[in-house]
Amino acid sequence: DQLAFSYEEKAALTDINLNVTGFKKIGIIGLSGSGKSTLINTLSGFLVPDSGEITLGGAQTTAFRQASWQEQLIYIPQNPYIYRLTLQENIAFYQPTATKEAVLKAIEVAGLTELLAELPQGLDTMLGEGERHLSGGQAQRIALARAFLDQQRKILLFDEPTAHLDIETEVALKERMLPLMENRLVFFATHRLHWMEEMDEIIVMDQGRIVEQGTLAQLQQKQGAFTELVNGMRREQLE
């Protein structure tokens, strides 16, 4: 309730009110700088709000840092961190006891088979911090493979998880990602409109505020901020 956050006195989130219960897919959409990433980083606990009230499971807190919340999270940012570990250890980061067969399945689902074939030591190739260089798209796929491998955590936070992929690759991967989101609470921040068709609820952000919220059908019927945003994005693509 009434969450606010500022970067060096510049407001990034203002009057954020959100009530979520149960498993659902929530799309967060807006132009660059609208506050999507800041909201995701607040939900992950990386940022502590300047003001406002948070209630998780009936308990009040000042930030999303309760162990019962964070232990349920899988977080995939725009630029996922690759640890100075092997490919297998990077993918099994949330599930260190995962079998080789399970890791290979996650690699297949995330579209990393070609990368695996290129690595000199296969799954045992060291990555990160001066080791094997990866493209942004490969790093995002490794982060997705981590999520595919973990069936226990029930809250997914996506911040432009396919931003480094071309649209054709993204659409092919989308079919594999959607089953991952079932029976989970998903917050999916993106500027790519096709994802909104898969969301149960959509949050439209502008200048750090939630300016509209509802199902896709409700927002389309309303012909408000969401429609204006969609039309603006489509005009940019045509130009």
C-alpha atoms as a PDB file:
ATOM      1  CA  ASP A   1       0.000   0.000   0.000  1.00  0.00           C
ATOM      2  CA  GLN A   2       1.259   3.478  -1.030  1.00  0.00           C
ATOM      3  CA  LEU A   3       4.800   2.297  -1.812  1.00  0.00           C
ATOM      4  CA  ALA A   4       7.266   4.947  -2.923  1.00  0.00           C
ATOM      5  CA  PHE A   5      10.930   4.773  -3.907  1.00  0.00           C
ATOM      6  CA  SER A   6      13.404   7.380  -5.143  1.00  0.00           C
ATOM      7  CA  TYR A   7      16.876   7.286  -6.663  1.00  0.00           C
ATOM      8  CA  GLU A   8      18.799  10.251  -5.220  1.00  0.00           C
ATOM      9  CA  GLU A   9      15.594  12.223  -4.648  1.00  0.00           C
ATOM     10  CA  LYS A  10      14.267  11.419  -8.132  1.00  0.00           C
ATOM     11  CA  ALA A  11      10.944   9.592  -7.731  1.00  0.00           C
ATOM     12  CA  ALA A  12      10.999   6.145  -9.364  1.00  0.00           C
ATOM     13  CA  LEU A  13       7.849   4.690  -7.774  1.00  0.00           C
ATOM     14  CA  THR A  14       4.918   6.679  -6.416  1.00  0.00           C
ATOM     15  CA  ASP A  15       1.706   5.509  -4.717  1.00  0.00           C
ATOM     16  CA  ILE A  16       2.077   1.849  -5.711  1.00  0.00           C
ATOM     17  CA  ASN A  17      -0.977  -0.087  -4.523  1.00  0.00           C
ATOM     18  CA  LEU A  18      -1.188  -3.777  -5.353  1.00  0.00           C
ATOM     19  CA  ASN A  19      -3.080  -6.712  -3.891  1.00  0.00           C
ATOM     20  CA  VAL A  20      -2.228 -10.206  -5.154  1.00  0.00           C
ATOM     21  CA  THR A  21      -3.470 -13.591  -3.960  1.00  0.00           C
ATOM     22  CA  GLY A  22      -2.744 -17.052  -5.313  1.00  0.00           C
ATOM     23  CA  PHE A  23      -1.115 -18.203  -8.530  1.00  0.00           C
ATOM     24  CA  LYS A  24      -1.475 -15.958 -11.578  1.00  0.00           C
ATOM     25  CA  LYS A  25       0.535 -14.325 -14.336  1.00  0.00           C
ATOM     26  CA  ILE A  26       0.833 -10.561 -13.964  1.00  0.00           C
ATOM     27  CA  GLY A  27       2.223  -8.583 -16.880  1.00  0.00           C
ATOM     28  CA  ILE A  28       3.946  -5.269 -16.158  1.00  0.00           C
ATOM     29  CA  ILE A  29       4.177  -3.032 -19.211  1.00  0.00           C
ATOM     30  CA  GLY A  30       5.276   0.526 -19.888  1.00  0.00           C
ATOM     31  CA  LEU A  31       7.807   2.579 -21.779  1.00  0.00           C
ATOM     32  CA  SER A  32      11.488   2.589 -20.856  1.00  0.00           C
ATOM     33  CA  GLY A  33      11.881   4.477 -17.582  1.00  0.00           C
ATOM     34  CA  SER A  34       8.271   3.928 -16.505  1.00  0.00           C
ATOM     35  CA  GLY A  35       9.304   2.032 -13.348  1.00  0.00           C
ATOM     36  CA  LYS A  36       8.943  -1.615 -14.434  1.00  0.00           C
ATOM     37  CA  SER A  37      12.442  -2.687 -13.341  1.00  0.00           C
ATOM     38  CA  THR A  38      12.227  -0.683 -10.113  1.00  0.00           C
ATOM     39  CA  LEU A  39       8.973  -2.433  -9.225  1.00  0.00           C
ATOM     40  CA  ILE A  40      10.502  -5.859  -9.934  1.00  0.00           C
ATOM     41  CA  ASN A  41      13.598  -4.973  -7.892  1.00  0.00           C
ATOM     42  CA  THR A  42      11.359  -3.870  -5.036  1.00  0.00           C
ATOM     43  CA  LEU A  43       9.369  -7.114  -5.157  1.00  0.00           C
ATOM     44  CA  SER A  44      12.627  -9.082  -5.131  1.00  0.00           C
ATOM     45  CA  GLY A  45      13.836  -7.298  -1.993  1.00  0.00           C
ATOM     46  CA  PHE A  46      16.850  -5.702  -3.674  1.00  0.00           C
ATOM     47  CA  LEU A  47      15.330  -2.256  -3.079  1.00  0.00           C
ATOM     48  CA  VAL A  48      13.777  -1.039   0.167  1.00  0.00           C
ATOM     49  CA  PRO A  49      10.837   1.365  -0.321  1.00  0.00           C
ATOM     50  CA  ASP A  50      11.181   4.860   1.127  1.00  0.00           C
ATOM     51  CA  SER A  51       7.628   4.674   2.449  1.00  0.00           C
ATOM     52  CA  GLY A  52       4.471   2.605   2.355  1.00  0.00           C
ATOM     53  CA  GLU A  53       3.153  -0.598   3.940  1.00  0.00           C
ATOM     54  CA  ILE A  54       3.789  -4.188   2.874  1.00  0.00           C
ATOM     55  CA  THR A  55       1.767  -7.135   4.128  1.00  0.00           C
ATOM     56  CA  LEU A  56       2.976 -10.648   3.266  1.00  0.00           C
ATOM     57  CA  GLY A  57       0.897 -13.561   4.454  1.00  0.00           C
ATOM     58  CA  GLY A  58      -0.766 -11.395   7.094  1.00  0.00           C
ATOM     59  CA  ALA A  59       2.503 -10.045   8.501  1.00  0.00           C
ATOM     60  CA  GLN A  60       3.531  -6.419   8.034  1.00  0.00           C
ATOM     61  CA  THR A  61       7.058  -5.563   6.932  1.00  0.00           C
ATOM     62  CA  THR A  62       9.008  -2.664   5.417  1.00  0.00           C
ATOM     63  CA  ALA A  63      10.561  -4.569   2.491  1.00  0.00           C
ATOM     64  CA  PHE A  64      10.174  -7.818   0.574  1.00  0.00           C
ATOM     65  CA  ARG A  65      12.944  -9.489   2.556  1.00  0.00           C
ATOM     66  CA  GLN A  66      11.065 -12.090   4.575  1.00  0.00           C
ATOM     67  CA  ALA A  67      12.757 -15.464   4.252  1.00  0.00           C
ATOM     68  CA  SER A  68       9.387 -17.099   3.546  1.00  0.00           C
ATOM     69  CA  TRP A  69       9.059 -14.805   0.491  1.00  0.00           C
ATOM     70  CA  GLN A  70      12.640 -14.795  -0.802  1.00  0.00           C
ATOM     71  CA  GLU A  71      13.061 -18.552  -0.514  1.00  0.00           C
ATOM     72  CA  GLN A  72      10.205 -18.869  -3.025  1.00  0.00           C
ATOM     73  CA  LEU A  73      11.745 -16.518  -5.617  1.00  0.00           C
ATOM     74  CA  ILE A  74      13.321 -17.126  -8.992  1.00  0.00           C
ATOM     75  CA  TYR A  75      14.561 -13.803 -10.348  1.00  0.00           C
ATOM     76  CA  ILE A  76      15.573 -13.304 -13.981  1.00  0.00           C
ATOM     77  CA  PRO A  77      16.827  -9.771 -14.740  1.00  0.00           C
ATOM     78  CA  GLN A  78      17.659  -8.205 -18.094  1.00  0.00           C
ATOM     79  CA  ASN A  79      21.331  -9.026 -17.570  1.00  0.00           C
ATOM     80  CA  PRO A  80      21.507 -12.231 -15.492  1.00  0.00           C
ATOM     81  CA  TYR A  81      24.580 -12.819 -13.364  1.00  0.00           C
ATOM     82  CA  ILE A  82      26.829 -15.645 -14.517  1.00  0.00           C
ATOM     83  CA  TYR A  83      28.828 -17.043 -11.631  1.00  0.00           C
ATOM     84  CA  ARG A  84      32.463 -18.154 -11.890  1.00  0.00           C
ATOM     85  CA  LEU A  85      31.322 -21.743 -11.926  1.00  0.00           C
ATOM     86  CA  THR A  86      30.884 -24.469 -14.518  1.00  0.00           C
ATOM     87  CA  LEU A  87      27.932 -24.451 -16.906  1.00  0.00           C
ATOM     88  CA  GLN A  88      26.333 -27.265 -14.893  1.00  0.00           C
ATOM     89  CA  GLU A  89      26.824 -25.391 -11.593  1.00  0.00           C
ATOM     90  CA  ASN A  90      25.456 -22.170 -13.080  1.00  0.00           C
ATOM     91  CA  ILE A  91      22.286 -23.890 -14.280  1.00  0.00           C
ATOM     92  CA  ALA A  92      21.889 -25.907 -11.070  1.00  0.00           C
ATOM     93  CA  PHE A  93      22.465 -22.818  -8.904  1.00  0.00           C
ATOM     94  CA  TYR A  94      19.053 -23.082  -7.189  1.00  0.00           C
ATOM     95  CA  GLN A  95      19.129 -26.901  -7.253  1.00  0.00           C
ATOM     96  CA  PRO A  96      22.754 -27.965  -6.551  1.00  0.00           C
ATOM     97  CA  THR A  97      21.788 -31.634  -6.184  1.00  0.00           C
ATOM     98  CA  ALA A  98      20.173 -31.792  -9.642  1.00  0.00           C
ATOM     99  CA  THR A  99      21.244 -34.727 -11.790  1.00  0.00           C
ATOM    100  CA  LYS A 100      23.201 -34.352 -15.012  1.00  0.00           C
ATOM    101  CA  GLU A 101      20.171 -35.648 -16.911  1.00  0.00           C
ATOM    102  CA  ALA A 102      17.950 -32.941 -15.393  1.00  0.00           C
ATOM    103  CA  VAL A 103      20.494 -30.227 -16.267  1.00  0.00           C
ATOM    104  CA  LEU A 104      20.730 -31.508 -19.854  1.00  0.00           C
ATOM    105  CA  LYS A 105      16.930 -31.404 -20.117  1.00  0.00           C
ATOM    106  CA  ALA A 106      16.919 -27.785 -18.904  1.00  0.00           C
ATOM    107  CA  ILE A 107      19.614 -26.988 -21.488  1.00  0.00           C
ATOM    108  CA  GLU A 108      17.481 -28.486 -24.230  1.00  0.00           C
ATOM    109  CA  VAL A 109      14.339 -26.637 -23.173  1.00  0.00           C
ATOM    110  CA  ALA A 110      16.174 -23.289 -22.895  1.00  0.00           C
ATOM    111  CA  GLY A 111      17.758 -23.692 -26.325  1.00  0.00           C
ATOM    112  CA  LEU A 112      21.359 -24.025 -25.088  1.00  0.00           C
ATOM    113  CA  THR A 113      22.226 -27.228 -26.947  1.00  0.00           C
ATOM    114  CA  GLU A 114      24.314 -25.364 -29.536  1.00  0.00           C
ATOM    115  CA  LEU A 115      26.294 -23.539 -26.826  1.00  0.00           C
ATOM    116  CA  LEU A 116      26.936 -26.801 -25.002  1.00  0.00           C
ATOM    117  CA  ALA A 117      28.332 -28.349 -28.188  1.00  0.00           C
ATOM    118  CA  GLU A 118      30.764 -25.425 -28.575  1.00  0.00           C
ATOM    119  CA  LEU A 119      32.198 -25.610 -25.045  1.00  0.00           C
ATOM    120  CA  PRO A 120      35.542 -27.423 -24.814  1.00  0.00           C
ATOM    121  CA  GLN A 121      34.731 -29.201 -21.522  1.00  0.00           C
ATOM    122  CA  GLY A 122      30.984 -29.389 -22.069  1.00  0.00           C
ATOM    123  CA  LEU A 123      29.047 -29.070 -18.814  1.00  0.00           C
ATOM    124  CA  ASP A 124      32.347 -28.740 -16.915  1.00  0.00           C
ATOM    125  CA  THR A 125      33.442 -25.605 -18.803  1.00  0.00           C
ATOM    126  CA  MET A 126      34.068 -22.668 -16.468  1.00  0.00           C
ATOM    127  CA  LEU A 127      32.004 -19.518 -17.070  1.00  0.00           C
ATOM    128  CA  GLY A 128      31.948 -15.979 -15.692  1.00  0.00           C
ATOM    129  CA  GLU A 129      34.522 -13.449 -14.457  1.00  0.00           C
ATOM    130  CA  GLY A 130      37.139 -13.648 -17.179  1.00  0.00           C
ATOM    131  CA  GLU A 131      36.343 -17.189 -18.254  1.00  0.00           C
ATOM    132  CA  ARG A 132      34.261 -18.100 -21.328  1.00  0.00           C
ATOM    133  CA  HIS A 133      32.532 -15.017 -22.804  1.00  0.00           C
ATOM    134  CA  LEU A 134      28.786 -15.315 -23.279  1.00  0.00           C
ATOM    135  CA  SER A 135      26.407 -13.151 -25.288  1.00  0.00           C
ATOM    136  CA  GLY A 136      23.492 -11.449 -23.566  1.00  0.00           C
ATOM    137  CA  GLY A 137      21.112 -13.943 -25.142  1.00  0.00           C
ATOM    138  CA  GLN A 138      23.157 -16.916 -23.894  1.00  0.00           C
ATOM    139  CA  ALA A 139      23.225 -15.479 -20.367  1.00  0.00           C
ATOM    140  CA  GLN A 140      19.445 -15.042 -20.443  1.00  0.00           C
ATOM    141  CA  ARG A 141      19.000 -18.629 -21.615  1.00  0.00           C
ATOM    142  CA  ILE A 142      21.173 -19.890 -18.744  1.00  0.00           C
ATOM    143  CA  ALA A 143      18.978 -17.947 -16.327  1.00  0.00           C
ATOM    144  CA  LEU A 144      15.884 -19.481 -17.936  1.00  0.00           C
ATOM    145  CA  ALA A 145      17.431 -22.949 -17.673  1.00  0.00           C
ATOM    146  CA  ARG A 146      17.875 -22.323 -13.923  1.00  0.00           C
ATOM    147  CA  ALA A 147      14.166 -21.585 -13.714  1.00  0.00           C
ATOM    148  CA  PHE A 148      13.205 -24.650 -15.782  1.00  0.00           C
ATOM    149  CA  LEU A 149      15.265 -26.848 -13.481  1.00  0.00           C
ATOM    150  CA  ASP A 150      13.660 -25.573 -10.268  1.00  0.00           C
ATOM    151  CA  GLN A 151      10.138 -26.896  -9.751  1.00  0.00           C
ATOM    152  CA  GLN A 152       9.992 -25.974  -6.052  1.00  0.00           C
ATOM    153  CA  ARG A 153      10.067 -22.159  -6.019  1.00  0.00           C
ATOM    154  CA  LYS A 154       6.660 -20.701  -6.749  1.00  0.00           C
ATOM    155  CA  ILE A 155       7.276 -16.988  -7.401  1.00  0.00           C
ATOM    156  CA  LEU A 156       8.863 -15.901 -10.686  1.00  0.00           C
ATOM    157  CA  LEU A 157      10.125 -12.346 -11.218  1.00  0.00           C
ATOM    158  CA  PHE A 158      10.984 -11.629 -14.848  1.00  0.00           C
ATOM    159  CA  ASP A 159      12.524  -8.303 -15.869  1.00  0.00           C
ATOM    160  CA  GLU A 160      12.687  -8.237 -19.691  1.00  0.00           C
ATOM    161  CA  PRO A 161      13.934 -11.876 -19.654  1.00  0.00           C
ATOM    162  CA  THR A 162      14.073 -12.094 -23.457  1.00  0.00           C
ATOM    163  CA  ALA A 163      15.334  -8.589 -24.236  1.00  0.00           C
ATOM    164  CA  HIS A 164      18.571  -9.870 -25.803  1.00  0.00           C
ATOM    165  CA  LEU A 165      16.801 -12.351 -28.087  1.00  0.00           C
ATOM    166  CA  ASP A 166      15.525 -11.583 -31.555  1.00  0.00           C
ATOM    167  CA  ILE A 167      11.750 -11.845 -31.911  1.00  0.00           C
ATOM    168  CA  GLU A 168      11.858 -15.125 -33.884  1.00  0.00           C
ATOM    169  CA  THR A 169      13.986 -16.814 -31.210  1.00  0.00           C
ATOM    170  CA  GLU A 170      11.792 -15.391 -28.476  1.00  0.00           C
ATOM    171  CA  VAL A 171       8.568 -16.698 -30.019  1.00  0.00           C
ATOM    172  CA  ALA A 172      10.099 -20.192 -30.310  1.00  0.00           C
ATOM    173  CA  LEU A 173      11.223 -20.049 -26.668  1.00  0.00           C
ATOM    174  CA  LYS A 174       7.867 -18.679 -25.534  1.00  0.00           C
ATOM    175  CA  GLU A 175       6.156 -22.030 -26.050  1.00  0.00           C
ATOM    176  CA  ARG A 176       8.664 -23.583 -23.647  1.00  0.00           C
ATOM    177  CA  MET A 177       8.399 -20.787 -21.092  1.00  0.00           C
ATOM    178  CA  LEU A 178       4.620 -20.778 -20.715  1.00  0.00           C
ATOM    179  CA  PRO A 179       4.379 -24.220 -19.012  1.00  0.00           C
ATOM    180  CA  LEU A 180       7.013 -22.972 -16.544  1.00  0.00           C
ATOM    181  CA  MET A 181       4.572 -20.280 -15.397  1.00  0.00           C
ATOM    182  CA  GLU A 182       1.688 -22.610 -14.586  1.00  0.00           C
ATOM    183  CA  ASN A 183       0.782 -22.956 -10.889  1.00  0.00           C
ATOM    184  CA  ARG A 184       3.092 -20.101  -9.986  1.00  0.00           C
ATOM    185  CA  LEU A 185       2.846 -16.417  -9.132  1.00  0.00           C
ATOM    186  CA  VAL A 186       4.531 -14.605 -12.007  1.00  0.00           C
ATOM    187  CA  PHE A 187       5.455 -10.937 -12.356  1.00  0.00           C
ATOM    188  CA  PHE A 188       6.558 -10.406 -15.969  1.00  0.00           C
ATOM    189  CA  ALA A 189       7.926  -6.973 -16.908  1.00  0.00           C
ATOM    190  CA  THR A 190       8.386  -6.488 -20.639  1.00  0.00           C
ATOM    191  CA  HIS A 191       7.922  -4.043 -23.500  1.00  0.00           C
ATOM    192  CA  ARG A 192       6.981  -6.809 -25.941  1.00  0.00           C
ATOM    193  CA  LEU A 193       3.252  -6.760 -26.426  1.00  0.00           C
ATOM    194  CA  HIS A 194       2.681 -10.380 -27.467  1.00  0.00           C
ATOM    195  CA  TRP A 195       3.298 -11.519 -23.874  1.00  0.00           C
ATOM    196  CA  MET A 196       0.257  -9.577 -22.665  1.00  0.00           C
ATOM    197  CA  GLU A 197      -2.040 -12.089 -24.391  1.00  0.00           C
ATOM    198  CA  GLU A 198      -0.756 -14.744 -21.950  1.00  0.00           C
ATOM    199  CA  MET A 199      -1.230 -12.707 -18.763  1.00  0.00           C
ATOM    200  CA  ASP A 200      -4.119 -13.086 -16.313  1.00  0.00           C
ATOM    201  CA  GLU A 201      -3.727  -9.472 -15.252  1.00  0.00           C
ATOM    202  CA  ILE A 202      -1.858  -6.479 -16.654  1.00  0.00           C
ATOM    203  CA  ILE A 203      -0.315  -3.518 -14.836  1.00  0.00           C
ATOM    204  CA  VAL A 204       0.345  -0.429 -16.963  1.00  0.00           C
ATOM    205  CA  MET A 205       3.074   1.859 -15.623  1.00  0.00           C
ATOM    206  CA  ASP A 206       3.917   5.439 -16.480  1.00  0.00           C
ATOM    207  CA  GLN A 207       6.421   7.684 -14.691  1.00  0.00           C
ATOM    208  CA  GLY A 208       6.630   5.386 -11.689  1.00  0.00           C
ATOM    209  CA  ARG A 209       2.895   5.027 -11.188  1.00  0.00           C
ATOM    210  CA  ILE A 210       0.368   2.270 -11.887  1.00  0.00           C
ATOM    211  CA  VAL A 211      -1.956   4.120 -14.242  1.00  0.00           C
ATOM    212  CA  GLU A 212      -4.171   1.206 -15.268  1.00  0.00           C
ATOM    213  CA  GLN A 213      -4.767  -2.371 -14.200  1.00  0.00           C
ATOM    214  CA  GLY A 214      -6.992  -5.238 -15.316  1.00  0.00           C
ATOM    215  CA  THR A 215      -7.326  -8.145 -17.716  1.00  0.00           C
ATOM    216  CA  LEU A 216      -6.395  -7.692 -21.365  1.00  0.00           C
ATOM    217  CA  ALA A 217     -10.078  -7.644 -22.348  1.00  0.00           C
ATOM    218  CA  GLN A 218     -10.906  -5.038 -19.697  1.00  0.00           C
ATOM    219  CA  LEU A 219      -8.040  -2.754 -20.765  1.00  0.00           C
ATOM    220  CA  GLN A 220      -8.884  -3.092 -24.452  1.00  0.00           C
ATOM    221  CA  GLN A 221     -12.506  -2.229 -23.764  1.00  0.00           C
ATOM    222  CA  LYS A 222     -11.558   0.747 -21.603  1.00  0.00           C
ATOM    223  CA  GLN A 223      -9.532   2.365 -24.409  1.00  0.00           C
ATOM    224  CA  GLY A 224      -7.333   4.154 -21.876  1.00  0.00           C
ATOM    225  CA  ALA A 225      -3.643   4.153 -20.950  1.00  0.00           C
ATOM    226  CA  PHE A 226      -3.016   0.614 -22.214  1.00  0.00           C
ATOM    227  CA  THR A 227      -4.541   1.318 -25.625  1.00  0.00           C
ATOM    228  CA  GLU A 228      -2.552   4.553 -25.891  1.00  0.00           C
ATOM    229  CA  LEU A 229       0.648   2.706 -25.010  1.00  0.00           C
ATOM    230  CA  VAL A 230       0.006  -0.072 -27.534  1.00  0.00           C
ATOM    231  CA  ASN A 231      -0.765   2.393 -30.309  1.00  0.00           C
ATOM    232  CA  GLY A 232       2.364   4.380 -29.512  1.00  0.00           C
ATOM    233  CA  MET A 233       4.553   1.266 -29.585  1.00  0.00           C
ATOM    234  CA  ARG A 234       3.079   0.156 -32.899  1.00  0.00           C
ATOM    235  CA  ARG A 235       3.673   3.590 -34.421  1.00  0.00           C
ATOM    236  CA  GLU A 236       7.329   3.407 -33.342  1.00  0.00           C
ATOM    237  CA  GLN A 237       7.708  -0.018 -34.960  1.00  0.00           C
ATOM    238  CA  LEU A 238       6.276   1.283 -38.232  1.00  0.00           C
ATOM    239  CA  GLU A 239       8.612   4.265 -38.202  1.00  0.00           C
END
